[in-house]
Amino acid sequence: MSKMKIEGSFVALITPFNADGTADFGAFRSLLQFQEDNGTSAVLIMGSTGEVSMLSQKEREAIIAETARFKTGKMKFFYGCTGNNTQTTIDYLKFAKANGADGAILAAPAYICGPEDDLADYFLEVADATDLPLGLYNNPPRVKTDLHWDHLLRIFKHPNYVVHKESTTRVGQVAQVLKARPDVSVMCCDSPNLGLVVPTMSLGGHGTANMTGNIAPAELVTISKPWTTPDVSVSFRDAYLGLLPMLHYSYSAINPVAIKSLMKAVGLPAGNLRKPLKNLEGEALLKGLRIVKELELDKKYGWSSPELKAA
């Protein structure tokens, strides 16, 4: 059986909530269809953008079981399966596999700040416990553990790893991974502050694992295309520079505060953030709405809301 290959836009989806705070599965269906209709290759459900750290185990299991039913085969469904220790992570992986997941994304368990050698062993041990395709998310800003490329390349020799997402500021790390040509799709965070998108794609990266695709999916598809011909690099440049205001806005507050607040304001079925996080209001929200109008995303996607009219 050939190894899964993912290229293009890999969107870290928000978790939509009902007014009573429960997961809104009707909204999930709509948001997933929105992504599929606009060319997204894969989605990550319950990553940090999905407020996963504030979901209970029951909620996480219910979200996997219910959303996997929405698959059409056109877009891969990955789930955030990181637990707070090795066994919990394995348990989540087994549940995801049994309930229809296409794959899972793993980060280091948050807060423990384990040594690199221990964390490398963790990624290998959990991979041995499943045959689910896996992605590794090197995300030191959020989990305070950072893996050097030597550890990453050791981990990527495991046949179950198919995706690498980098969220450091080290272009050199991305270059070293790509130079080694591991059998994984090398992707990066779309934060313009990290500055990885341009070098990753120019060095042969396979796409972006992004958050801004929640509100600009087709635009992220454009900047996530591998540079296989010179014309792709030209279309990338124009699209990336045009999208910079929205990329910066997406990361103007802790993920996913800005993007989820803006989605709700334009009329997408996002719901509120889970407390203690709160939706943006006032000038902070108006800035995002003005960017939507300047980029004409409202016209492109057919959005009309009182907030947009007032912006």
Protein backbone atom coordinates (compact mmCIF):
# COMPACT_ATOMS: atom_id res chain seq x y z
CA MET A 1 0.00 0.00 0.00
CA SER A 2 1.48 3.36 -1.05
CA LYS A 3 2.17 6.04 1.49
CA MET A 4 -0.30 8.92 1.79
CA LYS A 5 0.91 12.10 0.05
CA ILE A 6 -0.60 15.49 0.91
CA GLU A 7 0.17 18.66 -1.00
CA GLY A 8 -1.43 22.08 -0.94
CA SER A 9 -3.52 23.71 1.75
CA PHE A 10 -3.93 21.82 5.03
CA VAL A 11 -6.34 23.92 7.10
CA ALA A 12 -6.46 23.78 10.90
CA LEU A 13 -10.21 24.10 11.38
CA ILE A 14 -11.92 25.98 14.19
CA THR A 15 -14.34 24.15 16.49
CA PRO A 16 -17.80 25.74 16.12
CA PHE A 17 -19.90 25.90 19.27
CA ASN A 18 -23.63 26.25 19.86
CA ALA A 19 -24.96 28.98 22.14
CA ASP A 20 -24.96 26.51 25.04
CA GLY A 21 -21.27 25.76 24.50
CA THR A 22 -21.65 22.31 22.93
CA ALA A 23 -20.00 21.38 19.63
CA ASP A 24 -22.16 22.41 16.68
CA PHE A 25 -22.07 19.51 14.22
CA GLY A 26 -24.32 21.22 11.69
CA ALA A 27 -21.80 24.05 11.59
CA PHE A 28 -18.96 21.55 11.30
CA ARG A 29 -20.66 20.09 8.21
CA SER A 30 -21.01 23.55 6.64
CA LEU A 31 -17.43 24.57 7.38
CA LEU A 32 -16.05 21.31 6.03
CA GLN A 33 -18.09 21.73 2.85
CA PHE A 34 -16.78 25.30 2.54
CA GLN A 35 -13.23 23.96 2.66
CA GLU A 36 -13.89 21.14 0.20
CA ASP A 37 -15.64 23.45 -2.26
CA ASN A 38 -12.60 25.75 -2.33
CA GLY A 39 -9.92 23.17 -2.96
CA THR A 40 -8.49 22.46 0.49
CA SER A 41 -6.50 19.21 0.44
CA ALA A 42 -6.83 18.26 4.10
CA VAL A 43 -8.21 19.59 7.36
CA LEU A 44 -6.97 19.26 10.90
CA ILE A 45 -9.84 19.02 13.33
CA MET A 46 -9.04 19.77 16.98
CA GLY A 47 -5.64 21.32 16.57
CA SER A 48 -4.76 24.38 18.62
CA THR A 49 -7.01 26.38 16.26
CA GLY A 50 -9.82 24.04 17.31
CA GLU A 51 -9.41 24.96 21.00
CA VAL A 52 -8.49 21.35 21.69
CA SER A 53 -6.89 22.04 25.06
CA MET A 54 -10.29 23.19 26.35
CA LEU A 55 -12.21 20.14 25.16
CA SER A 56 -12.98 17.20 27.43
CA GLN A 57 -12.15 13.63 26.44
CA LYS A 58 -15.83 12.95 25.75
CA GLU A 59 -16.06 16.00 23.53
CA ARG A 60 -12.93 15.04 21.61
CA GLU A 61 -14.23 11.55 20.99
CA ALA A 62 -17.65 12.83 19.94
CA ILE A 63 -16.11 15.30 17.49
CA ILE A 64 -14.05 12.55 15.87
CA ALA A 65 -16.97 10.14 15.61
CA GLU A 66 -19.46 12.71 14.28
CA THR A 67 -17.30 14.69 11.85
CA ALA A 68 -15.75 11.59 10.26
CA ARG A 69 -19.23 10.84 8.94
CA PHE A 70 -19.00 13.95 6.76
CA LYS A 71 -16.12 12.64 4.67
CA THR A 72 -16.69 12.45 0.92
CA GLY A 73 -13.23 11.23 -0.02
CA LYS A 74 -12.23 14.51 -1.67
CA MET A 75 -10.44 15.91 1.38
CA LYS A 76 -8.42 14.16 4.10
CA PHE A 77 -9.66 14.41 7.70
CA PHE A 78 -6.88 14.53 10.28
CA TYR A 79 -7.46 14.93 14.01
CA GLY A 80 -5.40 16.39 16.82
CA CYS A 81 -4.65 13.36 18.97
CA THR A 82 -2.00 14.68 21.34
CA GLY A 83 -2.64 13.59 24.91
CA ASN A 84 -0.91 14.75 28.08
CA ASN A 85 1.21 11.60 28.16
CA THR A 86 2.22 8.71 25.91
CA GLN A 87 -0.61 6.32 26.81
CA THR A 88 -3.34 8.95 26.48
CA THR A 89 -2.02 9.86 23.04
CA ILE A 90 -2.09 6.19 22.02
CA ASP A 91 -5.67 5.91 23.28
CA TYR A 92 -6.74 8.90 21.18
CA LEU A 93 -5.01 7.46 18.12
CA LYS A 94 -6.77 4.13 18.52
CA PHE A 95 -10.14 5.85 18.91
CA ALA A 96 -9.51 8.01 15.82
CA LYS A 97 -8.52 4.99 13.74
CA ALA A 98 -11.57 3.01 14.86
CA ASN A 99 -13.91 5.88 14.03
CA GLY A 100 -12.88 6.74 10.49
CA ALA A 101 -10.04 9.26 10.74
CA ASP A 102 -7.73 9.53 7.73
CA GLY A 103 -4.85 10.54 9.96
CA ALA A 104 -3.73 12.37 13.08
CA ILE A 105 -1.46 15.28 13.90
CA LEU A 106 0.73 15.09 16.99
CA ALA A 107 2.62 17.71 18.95
CA ALA A 108 4.69 17.23 22.06
CA PRO A 109 2.51 17.06 25.17
CA ALA A 110 2.13 20.62 26.45
CA TYR A 111 3.59 21.98 29.68
CA ILE A 112 5.94 19.09 30.51
CA CYS A 113 8.87 20.58 28.54
CA GLY A 114 10.52 17.19 28.11
CA PRO A 115 14.07 16.67 26.87
CA GLU A 116 14.40 16.28 23.09
CA ASP A 117 15.56 12.67 23.28
CA ASP A 118 12.55 11.74 25.41
CA LEU A 119 10.15 13.50 23.05
CA ALA A 120 11.68 11.84 20.00
CA ASP A 121 11.11 8.47 21.68
CA TYR A 122 7.53 9.54 22.42
CA PHE A 123 6.80 10.27 18.75
CA LEU A 124 8.24 6.90 17.75
CA GLU A 125 6.47 4.93 20.48
CA VAL A 126 3.03 6.28 19.65
CA ALA A 127 3.66 5.65 15.95
CA ASP A 128 4.44 2.02 16.74
CA ALA A 129 1.04 1.71 18.41
CA THR A 130 -1.03 2.57 15.31
CA ASP A 131 -1.08 2.25 11.54
CA LEU A 132 -2.84 5.61 11.18
CA PRO A 133 -0.95 8.11 8.98
CA LEU A 134 0.62 10.72 11.26
CA GLY A 135 1.87 14.26 11.11
CA LEU A 136 4.37 15.83 13.50
CA TYR A 137 3.82 19.43 14.53
CA ASN A 138 6.99 21.09 15.82
CA ASN A 139 5.35 23.94 17.71
CA PRO A 140 7.62 25.35 20.44
CA PRO A 141 5.69 28.65 20.77
CA ARG A 142 2.71 26.67 22.08
CA VAL A 143 4.14 23.57 23.78
CA LYS A 144 7.62 24.86 24.75
CA THR A 145 9.39 21.83 23.29
CA ASP A 146 11.51 22.21 20.17
CA LEU A 147 12.93 19.37 18.08
CA HIS A 148 16.17 19.78 16.14
CA TRP A 149 16.24 18.49 12.57
CA ASP A 150 18.38 15.53 13.61
CA HIS A 151 15.55 14.31 15.81
CA LEU A 152 12.95 15.08 13.17
CA LEU A 153 14.76 13.11 10.50
CA ARG A 154 15.13 10.17 12.86
CA ILE A 155 11.38 10.23 13.53
CA PHE A 156 10.49 10.56 9.84
CA LYS A 157 12.16 7.24 9.08
CA HIS A 158 9.10 5.69 10.72
CA PRO A 159 6.72 4.62 7.93
CA ASN A 160 3.63 6.05 9.64
CA TYR A 161 4.76 9.68 9.46
CA VAL A 162 3.48 11.44 6.35
CA VAL A 163 3.45 15.16 7.29
CA HIS A 164 5.82 17.56 9.00
CA LYS A 165 4.59 21.01 10.08
CA GLU A 166 7.20 23.48 11.26
CA SER A 167 6.34 26.47 13.45
CA THR A 168 9.72 27.85 14.38
CA THR A 169 11.48 30.85 12.86
CA ARG A 170 14.39 28.74 11.63
CA VAL A 171 14.56 28.69 7.85
CA GLY A 172 17.74 26.65 8.21
CA GLN A 173 15.81 23.89 9.95
CA VAL A 174 13.33 23.66 7.08
CA ALA A 175 16.19 23.63 4.58
CA GLN A 176 17.96 20.79 6.40
CA VAL A 177 14.79 18.70 6.48
CA LEU A 178 14.06 19.29 2.79
CA LYS A 179 17.68 18.59 1.85
CA ALA A 180 17.42 15.17 3.49
CA ARG A 181 14.31 14.37 1.41
CA PRO A 182 12.40 12.39 4.04
CA ASP A 183 9.31 10.58 2.79
CA VAL A 184 6.94 13.14 4.34
CA SER A 185 5.15 16.27 3.13
CA VAL A 186 7.03 19.25 4.53
CA MET A 187 4.68 22.09 5.43
CA CYS A 188 4.84 25.22 7.55
CA CYS A 189 2.68 27.52 9.60
CA ASP A 190 1.24 30.47 7.66
CA SER A 191 2.15 33.06 10.30
CA PRO A 192 3.92 35.96 8.55
CA ASN A 193 5.73 36.68 11.82
CA LEU A 194 7.47 33.29 11.67
CA GLY A 195 8.30 34.02 8.05
CA LEU A 196 8.46 30.41 6.86
CA VAL A 197 6.00 30.33 3.97
CA VAL A 198 8.19 31.93 1.30
CA PRO A 199 11.38 29.97 2.06
CA THR A 200 9.55 26.70 2.63
CA MET A 201 7.76 26.84 -0.70
CA SER A 202 10.81 28.14 -2.59
CA LEU A 203 12.99 25.33 -1.21
CA GLY A 204 10.59 22.63 -2.34
CA GLY A 205 7.98 22.50 0.43
CA HIS A 206 4.75 20.67 -0.24
CA GLY A 207 2.25 23.17 1.16
CA THR A 208 1.14 25.08 4.22
CA ALA A 209 -0.57 23.80 7.33
CA ASN A 210 -2.48 26.96 7.98
CA MET A 211 -5.12 28.77 10.01
CA THR A 212 -6.03 31.62 7.63
CA GLY A 213 -7.66 29.11 5.27
CA ASN A 214 -10.63 29.11 7.65
CA ILE A 215 -11.69 32.43 6.13
CA ALA A 216 -9.74 32.54 2.85
CA PRO A 217 -9.58 28.91 1.68
CA ALA A 218 -9.08 29.46 -2.05
CA GLU A 219 -6.39 32.06 -1.39
CA LEU A 220 -4.47 29.64 0.83
CA VAL A 221 -4.75 26.99 -1.89
CA THR A 222 -2.97 29.38 -4.25
CA ILE A 223 -0.05 30.09 -1.93
CA SER A 224 0.21 26.44 -0.90
CA LYS A 225 0.85 24.97 -4.35
CA PRO A 226 4.29 23.35 -4.68
CA TRP A 227 6.62 25.26 -6.98
CA THR A 228 6.85 22.73 -9.79
CA THR A 229 7.02 25.30 -12.60
CA PRO A 230 8.21 28.95 -12.76
CA ASP A 231 4.69 30.29 -13.25
CA VAL A 232 3.62 28.91 -9.86
CA SER A 233 6.24 31.04 -8.11
CA VAL A 234 4.92 34.15 -9.85
CA SER A 235 1.30 33.46 -8.92
CA PHE A 236 2.48 32.68 -5.39
CA ARG A 237 4.23 36.03 -5.07
CA ASP A 238 1.22 38.04 -6.16
CA ALA A 239 -1.17 36.05 -3.98
CA TYR A 240 1.06 36.06 -0.91
CA LEU A 241 1.74 39.79 -0.98
CA GLY A 242 -1.94 40.51 -1.52
CA LEU A 243 -2.95 38.27 1.37
CA LEU A 244 -0.41 39.66 3.85
CA PRO A 245 -2.91 41.92 5.66
CA MET A 246 -5.17 38.94 6.39
CA LEU A 247 -2.26 36.72 7.41
CA HIS A 248 -1.14 39.34 9.89
CA TYR A 249 -4.68 39.77 11.17
CA SER A 250 -5.07 36.03 11.73
CA TYR A 251 -2.15 36.15 14.15
CA SER A 252 -2.97 39.51 15.76
CA ALA A 253 -4.35 37.68 18.82
CA ILE A 254 -3.65 34.27 20.29
CA ASN A 255 -4.86 31.53 17.97
CA PRO A 256 -7.81 31.25 17.22
CA VAL A 257 -9.23 34.43 18.76
CA ALA A 258 -8.89 36.72 15.74
CA ILE A 259 -9.85 34.26 13.02
CA LYS A 260 -12.83 32.79 14.85
CA SER A 261 -14.16 36.21 15.85
CA LEU A 262 -13.90 37.37 12.25
CA MET A 263 -15.59 34.26 10.92
CA LYS A 264 -18.56 34.82 13.17
CA ALA A 265 -18.73 38.49 12.21
CA VAL A 266 -18.91 37.77 8.45
CA GLY A 267 -21.66 35.23 8.98
CA LEU A 268 -19.82 31.92 8.98
CA PRO A 269 -21.16 29.43 11.56
CA ALA A 270 -18.28 29.70 14.01
CA GLY A 271 -19.99 30.43 17.31
CA ASN A 272 -18.14 31.92 20.25
CA LEU A 273 -14.78 31.09 21.71
CA ARG A 274 -14.76 28.90 24.78
CA LYS A 275 -14.17 30.79 28.01
CA PRO A 276 -11.89 32.15 29.31
CA LEU A 277 -11.18 33.28 25.71
CA LYS A 278 -13.53 35.94 24.38
CA ASN A 279 -14.46 37.15 20.91
CA LEU A 280 -12.87 40.34 19.64
CA GLU A 281 -15.00 43.46 19.59
CA GLY A 282 -14.68 47.12 18.63
CA GLU A 283 -11.70 48.35 16.64
CA ALA A 284 -9.89 45.01 16.85
CA LEU A 285 -12.76 43.31 15.02
CA LEU A 286 -13.40 46.22 12.65
CA LYS A 287 -9.82 45.99 11.41
CA GLY A 288 -10.43 42.43 10.26
CA LEU A 289 -13.75 43.29 8.65
CA ARG A 290 -12.12 46.12 6.71
CA ILE A 291 -9.46 43.71 5.44
CA VAL A 292 -12.19 41.30 4.29
CA LYS A 293 -13.78 44.13 2.30
CA GLU A 294 -10.49 45.42 0.91
CA LEU A 295 -9.63 41.94 -0.36
CA GLU A 296 -13.23 41.53 -1.58
CA LEU A 297 -13.57 38.23 0.21
CA ASP A 298 -17.14 39.17 1.08
CA LYS A 299 -18.02 39.43 -2.62
CA LYS A 300 -16.13 36.29 -3.54
CA TYR A 301 -17.73 34.10 -0.87
CA GLY A 302 -21.13 35.80 -0.75
CA TRP A 303 -20.97 37.10 2.80
CA SER A 304 -23.36 39.73 4.07
CA SER A 305 -23.74 40.64 7.74
CA PRO A 306 -24.61 43.72 9.79
CA GLU A 307 -21.01 43.83 10.99
CA LEU A 308 -19.66 43.90 7.43
CA LYS A 309 -22.09 46.63 6.43
CA ALA A 310 -21.02 48.75 9.38
CA ALA A 311 -17.28 48.30 8.82
